[in-house]
């Protein structure tokens, strides 16, 4: 009986090992394509944000502010979000200088920093750009502090007909949890953005240098920043849904819908960015490390 039981256990272990090996092989085959697709998405989001800041609804862009003089442009803009959400920073130069404009340079540098071939071919440029990149991250974090100090959050400034914590989500009542508010979630996001930058920099700034950790934390940092770009995507998708489900223009200019669309889209952007990034970090691990965590 013992011999039969031992054979059965051995067969199960062998089957488990075979399944793990097959899974590891499948991951190795899928990793390059998945990582390539993720990189392409990151580049697209970075490009979108550069355009957003420089030419489209970027509050600090002269082109946008002059475009707002056009009635048709104003009407199109007001459909998605309140006008103050896009123009409030023009009287807050400190926010433009430390948060909005640095974000466009940050988005321009990010694709180069995470491109595997570019950083290997141009290591010196990678190091110099990296220092600039993390300096910009620090500036953007400071700029968020200025936004908070001046109470320029969307839920405090841009929906005057609604209370600060009113209509914050279609799905979740933040007031049900004592001490929780949307601004504290925003604080957590800003803190994570700053922490990932510090972790990525520290991984190679001090011995022993850990390049694998540096790569993983840099990816997490970029994902944290691009969650704001994904928010814009989800805002558009929300409006597409409302137009299709309830008729064109259902949510246009309606604060009770625009506000939760804006807030929920940020949460969705964060969730998608985190899940996608952690999947990439897992795929980029050496096969032995992936097998250990399988």
C-alpha atoms as a PDB file:
ATOM      1  CA  UNK A   1       0.000   0.000   0.000  1.00  0.00           C
ATOM      2  CA  UNK A   2       2.819   2.395   0.888  1.00  0.00           C
ATOM      3  CA  UNK A   3       4.498   1.699  -2.436  1.00  0.00           C
ATOM      4  CA  UNK A   4       1.250   2.387  -4.337  1.00  0.00           C
ATOM      5  CA  UNK A   5       0.681   5.602  -2.371  1.00  0.00           C
ATOM      6  CA  UNK A   6       4.241   6.774  -3.057  1.00  0.00           C
ATOM      7  CA  UNK A   7       3.792   6.101  -6.785  1.00  0.00           C
ATOM      8  CA  UNK A   8       0.534   8.082  -6.761  1.00  0.00           C
ATOM      9  CA  UNK A   9       2.162  11.046  -4.993  1.00  0.00           C
ATOM     10  CA  UNK A  10       5.109  10.880  -7.384  1.00  0.00           C
ATOM     11  CA  UNK A  11       2.805  10.870 -10.405  1.00  0.00           C
ATOM     12  CA  UNK A  12       0.914  13.902  -9.073  1.00  0.00           C
ATOM     13  CA  UNK A  13       4.161  15.776  -8.423  1.00  0.00           C
ATOM     14  CA  UNK A  14       5.423  14.939 -11.913  1.00  0.00           C
ATOM     15  CA  UNK A  15       2.153  16.135 -13.419  1.00  0.00           C
ATOM     16  CA  UNK A  16       2.357  19.367 -11.408  1.00  0.00           C
ATOM     17  CA  UNK A  17       5.950  19.960 -12.514  1.00  0.00           C
ATOM     18  CA  UNK A  18       4.987  19.310 -16.143  1.00  0.00           C
ATOM     19  CA  UNK A  19       2.134  21.801 -15.886  1.00  0.00           C
ATOM     20  CA  UNK A  20       4.431  24.409 -14.295  1.00  0.00           C
ATOM     21  CA  UNK A  21       7.040  23.877 -17.002  1.00  0.00           C
ATOM     22  CA  UNK A  22       4.414  24.211 -19.717  1.00  0.00           C
ATOM     23  CA  UNK A  23       3.100  27.372 -18.091  1.00  0.00           C
ATOM     24  CA  UNK A  24       6.618  28.834 -17.836  1.00  0.00           C
ATOM     25  CA  UNK A  25       7.261  28.016 -21.499  1.00  0.00           C
ATOM     26  CA  UNK A  26       3.989  29.674 -22.517  1.00  0.00           C
ATOM     27  CA  UNK A  27       4.898  32.767 -20.514  1.00  0.00           C
ATOM     28  CA  UNK A  28       8.349  32.915 -22.129  1.00  0.00           C
ATOM     29  CA  UNK A  29       6.750  32.794 -25.578  1.00  0.00           C
ATOM     30  CA  UNK A  30       4.095  35.374 -24.744  1.00  0.00           C
ATOM     31  CA  UNK A  31       6.335  37.793 -22.834  1.00  0.00           C
ATOM     32  CA  UNK A  32       7.986  39.644 -25.761  1.00  0.00           C
ATOM     33  CA  UNK A  33       4.680  40.284 -27.532  1.00  0.00           C
ATOM     34  CA  UNK A  34       2.887  41.320 -24.347  1.00  0.00           C
ATOM     35  CA  UNK A  35       5.710  43.615 -23.242  1.00  0.00           C
ATOM     36  CA  UNK A  36       5.896  45.108 -26.744  1.00  0.00           C
ATOM     37  CA  UNK A  37       2.172  45.815 -26.728  1.00  0.00           C
ATOM     38  CA  UNK A  38       2.398  47.377 -23.266  1.00  0.00           C
ATOM     39  CA  UNK A  39       5.278  49.585 -24.422  1.00  0.00           C
ATOM     40  CA  UNK A  40       3.291  50.702 -27.475  1.00  0.00           C
ATOM     41  CA  UNK A  41       0.336  51.607 -25.230  1.00  0.00           C
ATOM     42  CA  UNK A  42       2.627  53.557 -22.889  1.00  0.00           C
ATOM     43  CA  UNK A  43       4.105  55.492 -25.828  1.00  0.00           C
ATOM     44  CA  UNK A  44       0.614  56.250 -27.162  1.00  0.00           C
ATOM     45  CA  UNK A  45      -0.546  57.518 -23.758  1.00  0.00           C
ATOM     46  CA  UNK A  46       2.585  59.653 -23.378  1.00  0.00           C
ATOM     47  CA  UNK A  47       1.998  61.120 -26.838  1.00  0.00           C
ATOM     48  CA  UNK A  48      -1.634  61.799 -26.007  1.00  0.00           C
ATOM     49  CA  UNK A  49      -0.690  63.706 -22.859  1.00  0.00           C
ATOM     50  CA  UNK A  50       1.943  65.775 -24.680  1.00  0.00           C
ATOM     51  CA  UNK A  51      -0.695  66.803 -27.224  1.00  0.00           C
ATOM     52  CA  UNK A  52      -3.243  67.308 -24.452  1.00  0.00           C
ATOM     53  CA  UNK A  53      -0.938  69.745 -22.645  1.00  0.00           C
ATOM     54  CA  UNK A  54       0.543  71.483 -25.682  1.00  0.00           C
ATOM     55  CA  UNK A  55      -2.352  71.766 -28.137  1.00  0.00           C
ATOM     56  CA  UNK A  56      -5.615  70.444 -26.747  1.00  0.00           C
ATOM     57  CA  UNK A  57      -7.295  70.895 -23.348  1.00  0.00           C
ATOM     58  CA  UNK A  58      -4.142  71.746 -21.401  1.00  0.00           C
ATOM     59  CA  UNK A  59      -4.953  74.568 -19.007  1.00  0.00           C
ATOM     60  CA  UNK A  60      -1.529  76.197 -19.387  1.00  0.00           C
ATOM     61  CA  UNK A  61      -1.366  76.066 -23.184  1.00  0.00           C
ATOM     62  CA  UNK A  62      -1.836  79.440 -24.935  1.00  0.00           C
ATOM     63  CA  UNK A  63      -3.217  77.584 -27.982  1.00  0.00           C
ATOM     64  CA  UNK A  64      -6.017  76.126 -25.885  1.00  0.00           C
ATOM     65  CA  UNK A  65      -6.863  79.366 -24.108  1.00  0.00           C
ATOM     66  CA  UNK A  66      -7.106  81.183 -27.434  1.00  0.00           C
ATOM     67  CA  UNK A  67      -9.191  78.317 -28.860  1.00  0.00           C
ATOM     68  CA  UNK A  68     -11.666  78.819 -26.015  1.00  0.00           C
ATOM     69  CA  UNK A  69     -12.674  82.102 -27.688  1.00  0.00           C
ATOM     70  CA  UNK A  70     -14.291  80.011 -30.412  1.00  0.00           C
ATOM     71  CA  UNK A  71     -17.921  79.224 -29.539  1.00  0.00           C
ATOM     72  CA  UNK A  72     -17.983  75.794 -31.216  1.00  0.00           C
ATOM     73  CA  UNK A  73     -14.807  74.756 -29.394  1.00  0.00           C
ATOM     74  CA  UNK A  74     -16.223  75.944 -26.071  1.00  0.00           C
ATOM     75  CA  UNK A  75     -19.407  73.975 -26.681  1.00  0.00           C
ATOM     76  CA  UNK A  76     -17.505  70.785 -27.528  1.00  0.00           C
ATOM     77  CA  UNK A  77     -15.299  71.172 -24.455  1.00  0.00           C
ATOM     78  CA  UNK A  78     -18.178  71.912 -22.092  1.00  0.00           C
ATOM     79  CA  UNK A  79     -19.922  68.680 -23.084  1.00  0.00           C
ATOM     80  CA  UNK A  80     -17.318  66.548 -21.336  1.00  0.00           C
ATOM     81  CA  UNK A  81     -16.187  68.599 -18.334  1.00  0.00           C
ATOM     82  CA  UNK A  82     -16.850  71.999 -16.749  1.00  0.00           C
ATOM     83  CA  UNK A  83     -14.847  74.792 -18.358  1.00  0.00           C
ATOM     84  CA  UNK A  84     -13.141  75.710 -15.067  1.00  0.00           C
ATOM     85  CA  UNK A  85     -11.639  72.228 -14.923  1.00  0.00           C
ATOM     86  CA  UNK A  86      -9.562  73.136 -17.963  1.00  0.00           C
ATOM     87  CA  UNK A  87      -8.917  76.841 -17.450  1.00  0.00           C
ATOM     88  CA  UNK A  88      -8.416  77.221 -13.689  1.00  0.00           C
ATOM     89  CA  UNK A  89      -4.624  76.931 -13.816  1.00  0.00           C
ATOM     90  CA  UNK A  90      -4.126  79.952 -16.085  1.00  0.00           C
ATOM     91  CA  UNK A  91      -4.274  82.127 -12.956  1.00  0.00           C
ATOM     92  CA  UNK A  92      -2.044  79.706 -11.053  1.00  0.00           C
ATOM     93  CA  UNK A  93       1.357  79.975 -12.672  1.00  0.00           C
ATOM     94  CA  UNK A  94       2.994  77.908  -9.905  1.00  0.00           C
ATOM     95  CA  UNK A  95       0.833  74.907 -10.873  1.00  0.00           C
ATOM     96  CA  UNK A  96       1.647  75.344 -14.555  1.00  0.00           C
ATOM     97  CA  UNK A  97       5.366  75.674 -13.855  1.00  0.00           C
ATOM     98  CA  UNK A  98       5.687  72.803 -11.389  1.00  0.00           C
ATOM     99  CA  UNK A  99       3.000  70.317 -12.411  1.00  0.00           C
ATOM    100  CA  UNK A 100       1.394  70.715 -15.836  1.00  0.00           C
ATOM    101  CA  UNK A 101       4.303  71.770 -18.049  1.00  0.00           C
ATOM    102  CA  UNK A 102       6.870  69.407 -16.442  1.00  0.00           C
ATOM    103  CA  UNK A 103       4.403  66.583 -17.120  1.00  0.00           C
ATOM    104  CA  UNK A 104       4.793  67.087 -20.870  1.00  0.00           C
ATOM    105  CA  UNK A 105       8.597  66.759 -20.657  1.00  0.00           C
ATOM    106  CA  UNK A 106       8.192  63.781 -18.307  1.00  0.00           C
ATOM    107  CA  UNK A 107       5.985  62.101 -20.954  1.00  0.00           C
ATOM    108  CA  UNK A 108       8.558  62.862 -23.650  1.00  0.00           C
ATOM    109  CA  UNK A 109      11.396  61.235 -21.666  1.00  0.00           C
ATOM    110  CA  UNK A 110       9.501  58.179 -20.365  1.00  0.00           C
ATOM    111  CA  UNK A 111       9.423  56.130 -23.624  1.00  0.00           C
ATOM    112  CA  UNK A 112      13.188  56.483 -24.082  1.00  0.00           C
ATOM    113  CA  UNK A 113      13.892  55.481 -20.485  1.00  0.00           C
ATOM    114  CA  UNK A 114      11.992  52.201 -20.691  1.00  0.00           C
ATOM    115  CA  UNK A 115      12.998  51.256 -24.241  1.00  0.00           C
ATOM    116  CA  UNK A 116      15.369  48.261 -23.773  1.00  0.00           C
ATOM    117  CA  UNK A 117      17.428  48.847 -26.916  1.00  0.00           C
ATOM    118  CA  UNK A 118      17.750  52.610 -26.517  1.00  0.00           C
ATOM    119  CA  UNK A 119      18.981  52.473 -22.943  1.00  0.00           C
ATOM    120  CA  UNK A 120      21.573  49.807 -23.823  1.00  0.00           C
ATOM    121  CA  UNK A 121      22.830  51.662 -26.896  1.00  0.00           C
ATOM    122  CA  UNK A 122      22.929  55.056 -25.184  1.00  0.00           C
ATOM    123  CA  UNK A 123      23.737  54.401 -21.501  1.00  0.00           C
ATOM    124  CA  UNK A 124      25.090  57.890 -20.829  1.00  0.00           C
ATOM    125  CA  UNK A 125      22.002  59.535 -22.330  1.00  0.00           C
ATOM    126  CA  UNK A 126      19.855  57.129 -20.293  1.00  0.00           C
ATOM    127  CA  UNK A 127      21.569  58.201 -17.048  1.00  0.00           C
ATOM    128  CA  UNK A 128      21.342  61.922 -17.812  1.00  0.00           C
ATOM    129  CA  UNK A 129      17.719  61.680 -18.957  1.00  0.00           C
ATOM    130  CA  UNK A 130      16.957  59.619 -15.868  1.00  0.00           C
ATOM    131  CA  UNK A 131      18.185  62.360 -13.554  1.00  0.00           C
ATOM    132  CA  UNK A 132      16.072  64.917 -15.405  1.00  0.00           C
ATOM    133  CA  UNK A 133      13.131  62.512 -15.382  1.00  0.00           C
ATOM    134  CA  UNK A 134      13.177  62.030 -11.614  1.00  0.00           C
ATOM    135  CA  UNK A 135      13.711  65.757 -11.031  1.00  0.00           C
ATOM    136  CA  UNK A 136      10.554  66.354 -13.058  1.00  0.00           C
ATOM    137  CA  UNK A 137       8.770  63.733 -10.945  1.00  0.00           C
ATOM    138  CA  UNK A 138       9.734  65.677  -7.833  1.00  0.00           C
ATOM    139  CA  UNK A 139       8.477  68.913  -9.407  1.00  0.00           C
ATOM    140  CA  UNK A 140       5.173  67.299 -10.384  1.00  0.00           C
ATOM    141  CA  UNK A 141       4.704  65.987  -6.833  1.00  0.00           C
ATOM    142  CA  UNK A 142       5.391  69.471  -5.482  1.00  0.00           C
ATOM    143  CA  UNK A 143       2.915  70.856  -8.009  1.00  0.00           C
ATOM    144  CA  UNK A 144       0.263  68.492  -6.686  1.00  0.00           C
ATOM    145  CA  UNK A 145       0.965  69.945  -3.245  1.00  0.00           C
ATOM    146  CA  UNK A 146       0.339  73.425  -4.652  1.00  0.00           C
ATOM    147  CA  UNK A 147      -2.949  72.238  -6.157  1.00  0.00           C
ATOM    148  CA  UNK A 148      -4.000  70.917  -2.759  1.00  0.00           C
ATOM    149  CA  UNK A 149      -2.832  74.000  -0.860  1.00  0.00           C
ATOM    150  CA  UNK A 150      -4.881  76.235  -3.186  1.00  0.00           C
ATOM    151  CA  UNK A 151      -7.846  73.840  -3.054  1.00  0.00           C
ATOM    152  CA  UNK A 152      -7.966  73.432  -6.828  1.00  0.00           C
ATOM    153  CA  UNK A 153      -9.219  69.832  -6.702  1.00  0.00           C
ATOM    154  CA  UNK A 154     -12.050  69.196  -9.139  1.00  0.00           C
ATOM    155  CA  UNK A 155     -14.509  68.241  -6.393  1.00  0.00           C
ATOM    156  CA  UNK A 156     -13.813  71.486  -4.519  1.00  0.00           C
ATOM    157  CA  UNK A 157     -13.517  73.948  -7.388  1.00  0.00           C
ATOM    158  CA  UNK A 158     -15.307  72.849 -10.552  1.00  0.00           C
ATOM    159  CA  UNK A 159     -18.790  71.717  -9.540  1.00  0.00           C
ATOM    160  CA  UNK A 160     -20.143  74.608  -7.438  1.00  0.00           C
ATOM    161  CA  UNK A 161     -23.730  73.330  -7.618  1.00  0.00           C
ATOM    162  CA  UNK A 162     -22.705  70.142  -5.781  1.00  0.00           C
ATOM    163  CA  UNK A 163     -21.237  69.641  -2.328  1.00  0.00           C
ATOM    164  CA  UNK A 164     -17.589  68.613  -2.172  1.00  0.00           C
ATOM    165  CA  UNK A 165     -18.250  64.909  -1.507  1.00  0.00           C
ATOM    166  CA  UNK A 166     -21.582  64.740  -3.333  1.00  0.00           C
ATOM    167  CA  UNK A 167     -21.972  62.604  -6.480  1.00  0.00           C
ATOM    168  CA  UNK A 168     -18.405  61.302  -6.309  1.00  0.00           C
ATOM    169  CA  UNK A 169     -19.096  57.917  -7.879  1.00  0.00           C
ATOM    170  CA  UNK A 170     -21.687  55.820  -9.679  1.00  0.00           C
ATOM    171  CA  UNK A 171     -20.489  52.732  -7.825  1.00  0.00           C
ATOM    172  CA  UNK A 172     -19.200  53.613  -4.378  1.00  0.00           C
ATOM    173  CA  UNK A 173     -20.169  55.884  -1.488  1.00  0.00           C
ATOM    174  CA  UNK A 174     -16.886  57.082  -0.013  1.00  0.00           C
ATOM    175  CA  UNK A 175     -18.723  58.543   2.980  1.00  0.00           C
ATOM    176  CA  UNK A 176     -19.685  55.050   4.204  1.00  0.00           C
ATOM    177  CA  UNK A 177     -16.118  54.460   5.382  1.00  0.00           C
ATOM    178  CA  UNK A 178     -15.185  56.716   8.326  1.00  0.00           C
ATOM    179  CA  UNK A 179     -12.315  59.037   7.516  1.00  0.00           C
ATOM    180  CA  UNK A 180     -12.324  58.212   3.804  1.00  0.00           C
ATOM    181  CA  UNK A 181     -12.729  60.927   1.198  1.00  0.00           C
ATOM    182  CA  UNK A 182     -11.804  61.203  -2.452  1.00  0.00           C
ATOM    183  CA  UNK A 183      -9.095  63.749  -1.742  1.00  0.00           C
ATOM    184  CA  UNK A 184      -7.357  61.215   0.502  1.00  0.00           C
ATOM    185  CA  UNK A 185      -7.417  58.723  -2.353  1.00  0.00           C
ATOM    186  CA  UNK A 186      -5.801  61.421  -4.496  1.00  0.00           C
ATOM    187  CA  UNK A 187      -3.193  61.920  -1.771  1.00  0.00           C
ATOM    188  CA  UNK A 188      -2.450  58.185  -1.812  1.00  0.00           C
ATOM    189  CA  UNK A 189      -2.007  58.309  -5.580  1.00  0.00           C
ATOM    190  CA  UNK A 190       0.403  61.249  -5.323  1.00  0.00           C
ATOM    191  CA  UNK A 191       2.301  59.518  -2.520  1.00  0.00           C
ATOM    192  CA  UNK A 192       2.610  56.339  -4.607  1.00  0.00           C
ATOM    193  CA  UNK A 193       3.858  58.379  -7.573  1.00  0.00           C
ATOM    194  CA  UNK A 194       6.546  59.948  -5.373  1.00  0.00           C
ATOM    195  CA  UNK A 195       7.462  56.682  -3.623  1.00  0.00           C
ATOM    196  CA  UNK A 196       7.917  54.736  -6.854  1.00  0.00           C
ATOM    197  CA  UNK A 197      10.206  57.490  -8.167  1.00  0.00           C
ATOM    198  CA  UNK A 198      12.300  57.358  -4.991  1.00  0.00           C
ATOM    199  CA  UNK A 199      12.451  53.554  -5.071  1.00  0.00           C
ATOM    200  CA  UNK A 200      13.476  53.509  -8.751  1.00  0.00           C
ATOM    201  CA  UNK A 201      16.202  56.096  -8.175  1.00  0.00           C
ATOM    202  CA  UNK A 202      17.499  54.515  -4.950  1.00  0.00           C
ATOM    203  CA  UNK A 203      17.802  51.088  -6.613  1.00  0.00           C
ATOM    204  CA  UNK A 204      20.728  52.340  -8.752  1.00  0.00           C
ATOM    205  CA  UNK A 205      21.933  55.408  -6.861  1.00  0.00           C
ATOM    206  CA  UNK A 206      23.340  53.490  -3.893  1.00  0.00           C
ATOM    207  CA  UNK A 207      25.349  50.255  -3.753  1.00  0.00           C
ATOM    208  CA  UNK A 208      24.634  47.463  -4.288  1.00  0.00           C
ATOM    209  CA  UNK A 209      22.896  48.623  -7.468  1.00  0.00           C
ATOM    210  CA  UNK A 210      19.885  46.509  -8.419  1.00  0.00           C
ATOM    211  CA  UNK A 211      18.980  47.073 -12.062  1.00  0.00           C
ATOM    212  CA  UNK A 212      16.053  44.640 -12.017  1.00  0.00           C
ATOM    213  CA  UNK A 213      14.474  46.521  -9.113  1.00  0.00           C
ATOM    214  CA  UNK A 214      15.233  49.827 -10.850  1.00  0.00           C
ATOM    215  CA  UNK A 215      13.392  48.665 -13.955  1.00  0.00           C
ATOM    216  CA  UNK A 216      10.391  47.365 -12.012  1.00  0.00           C
ATOM    217  CA  UNK A 217      10.016  50.539  -9.918  1.00  0.00           C
ATOM    218  CA  UNK A 218      10.479  52.759 -12.967  1.00  0.00           C
ATOM    219  CA  UNK A 219       7.679  50.885 -14.710  1.00  0.00           C
ATOM    220  CA  UNK A 220       5.480  51.319 -11.633  1.00  0.00           C
ATOM    221  CA  UNK A 221       6.303  55.014 -11.520  1.00  0.00           C
ATOM    222  CA  UNK A 222       5.430  55.536 -15.185  1.00  0.00           C
ATOM    223  CA  UNK A 223       2.226  53.522 -14.751  1.00  0.00           C
ATOM    224  CA  UNK A 224       1.287  55.783 -11.821  1.00  0.00           C
ATOM    225  CA  UNK A 225       1.756  58.851 -13.990  1.00  0.00           C
ATOM    226  CA  UNK A 226      -0.058  57.422 -16.993  1.00  0.00           C
ATOM    227  CA  UNK A 227      -3.103  56.546 -14.890  1.00  0.00           C
ATOM    228  CA  UNK A 228      -4.037  60.203 -15.437  1.00  0.00           C
ATOM    229  CA  UNK A 229      -3.817  59.668 -19.200  1.00  0.00           C
ATOM    230  CA  UNK A 230      -5.997  56.574 -18.860  1.00  0.00           C
ATOM    231  CA  UNK A 231      -8.490  58.702 -16.935  1.00  0.00           C
ATOM    232  CA  UNK A 232      -9.001  60.753 -20.109  1.00  0.00           C
ATOM    233  CA  UNK A 233      -9.636  57.570 -22.058  1.00  0.00           C
ATOM    234  CA  UNK A 234     -12.244  56.398 -19.557  1.00  0.00           C
ATOM    235  CA  UNK A 235     -13.938  59.815 -19.566  1.00  0.00           C
ATOM    236  CA  UNK A 236     -14.399  59.446 -23.319  1.00  0.00           C
ATOM    237  CA  UNK A 237     -15.667  55.870 -22.916  1.00  0.00           C
ATOM    238  CA  UNK A 238     -18.183  56.990 -20.286  1.00  0.00           C
ATOM    239  CA  UNK A 239     -19.606  59.565 -22.680  1.00  0.00           C
ATOM    240  CA  UNK A 240     -19.722  57.028 -25.503  1.00  0.00           C
ATOM    241  CA  UNK A 241     -21.705  54.718 -23.209  1.00  0.00           C
ATOM    242  CA  UNK A 242     -24.172  57.406 -22.115  1.00  0.00           C
ATOM    243  CA  UNK A 243     -24.660  58.566 -25.709  1.00  0.00           C
ATOM    244  CA  UNK A 244     -25.338  55.001 -26.847  1.00  0.00           C
ATOM    245  CA  UNK A 245     -27.533  53.996 -23.907  1.00  0.00           C
ATOM    246  CA  UNK A 246     -29.550  57.167 -23.285  1.00  0.00           C
ATOM    247  CA  UNK A 247     -29.195  59.262 -26.422  1.00  0.00           C
ATOM    248  CA  UNK A 248     -26.599  61.713 -27.647  1.00  0.00           C
ATOM    249  CA  UNK A 249     -25.764  64.434 -25.154  1.00  0.00           C
ATOM    250  CA  UNK A 250     -27.286  62.699 -22.112  1.00  0.00           C
ATOM    251  CA  UNK A 251     -24.333  63.569 -19.848  1.00  0.00           C
ATOM    252  CA  UNK A 252     -23.290  66.770 -21.619  1.00  0.00           C
ATOM    253  CA  UNK A 253     -23.171  69.709 -19.229  1.00  0.00           C
ATOM    254  CA  UNK A 254     -24.822  67.738 -16.401  1.00  0.00           C
ATOM    255  CA  UNK A 255     -22.755  68.159 -13.188  1.00  0.00           C
ATOM    256  CA  UNK A 256     -24.483  65.229 -11.486  1.00  0.00           C
ATOM    257  CA  UNK A 257     -23.061  62.973 -14.219  1.00  0.00           C
ATOM    258  CA  UNK A 258     -19.863  64.789 -15.170  1.00  0.00           C
ATOM    259  CA  UNK A 259     -18.486  64.705 -11.640  1.00  0.00           C
ATOM    260  CA  UNK A 260     -18.780  60.932 -11.026  1.00  0.00           C
ATOM    261  CA  UNK A 261     -17.569  60.305 -14.597  1.00  0.00           C
ATOM    262  CA  UNK A 262     -14.409  62.286 -13.831  1.00  0.00           C
ATOM    263  CA  UNK A 263     -13.840  60.621 -10.438  1.00  0.00           C
ATOM    264  CA  UNK A 264     -14.646  57.044 -11.496  1.00  0.00           C
ATOM    265  CA  UNK A 265     -12.492  57.417 -14.608  1.00  0.00           C
ATOM    266  CA  UNK A 266      -9.497  58.237 -12.421  1.00  0.00           C
ATOM    267  CA  UNK A 267     -10.089  55.120 -10.299  1.00  0.00           C
ATOM    268  CA  UNK A 268     -10.492  52.957 -13.418  1.00  0.00           C
ATOM    269  CA  UNK A 269      -7.301  54.448 -14.845  1.00  0.00           C
ATOM    270  CA  UNK A 270      -5.368  53.625 -11.689  1.00  0.00           C
ATOM    271  CA  UNK A 271      -6.673  50.047 -11.559  1.00  0.00           C
ATOM    272  CA  UNK A 272      -5.876  49.361 -15.220  1.00  0.00           C
ATOM    273  CA  UNK A 273      -2.414  50.939 -14.899  1.00  0.00           C
ATOM    274  CA  UNK A 274      -1.546  48.907 -11.789  1.00  0.00           C
ATOM    275  CA  UNK A 275      -2.801  45.592 -13.182  1.00  0.00           C
ATOM    276  CA  UNK A 276      -1.068  46.113 -16.535  1.00  0.00           C
ATOM    277  CA  UNK A 277       2.186  47.202 -14.910  1.00  0.00           C
ATOM    278  CA  UNK A 278       2.346  44.333 -12.425  1.00  0.00           C
ATOM    279  CA  UNK A 279       1.615  41.888 -15.245  1.00  0.00           C
ATOM    280  CA  UNK A 280       4.574  43.335 -17.169  1.00  0.00           C
ATOM    281  CA  UNK A 281       6.817  43.168 -14.112  1.00  0.00           C
ATOM    282  CA  UNK A 282       5.888  39.490 -13.672  1.00  0.00           C
ATOM    283  CA  UNK A 283       6.494  38.713 -17.360  1.00  0.00           C
ATOM    284  CA  UNK A 284       9.885  40.436 -17.294  1.00  0.00           C
ATOM    285  CA  UNK A 285      11.160  38.351 -14.383  1.00  0.00           C
ATOM    286  CA  UNK A 286      13.728  35.663 -15.218  1.00  0.00           C
ATOM    287  CA  UNK A 287      12.046  32.263 -15.817  1.00  0.00           C
ATOM    288  CA  UNK A 288      13.400  30.794 -12.563  1.00  0.00           C
ATOM    289  CA  UNK A 289      11.919  33.633 -10.513  1.00  0.00           C
ATOM    290  CA  UNK A 290       8.564  33.246 -12.282  1.00  0.00           C
ATOM    291  CA  UNK A 291       8.563  29.513 -11.537  1.00  0.00           C
ATOM    292  CA  UNK A 292       9.171  30.207  -7.837  1.00  0.00           C
ATOM    293  CA  UNK A 293       6.096  32.422  -7.650  1.00  0.00           C
ATOM    294  CA  UNK A 294       3.860  30.150  -9.757  1.00  0.00           C
END
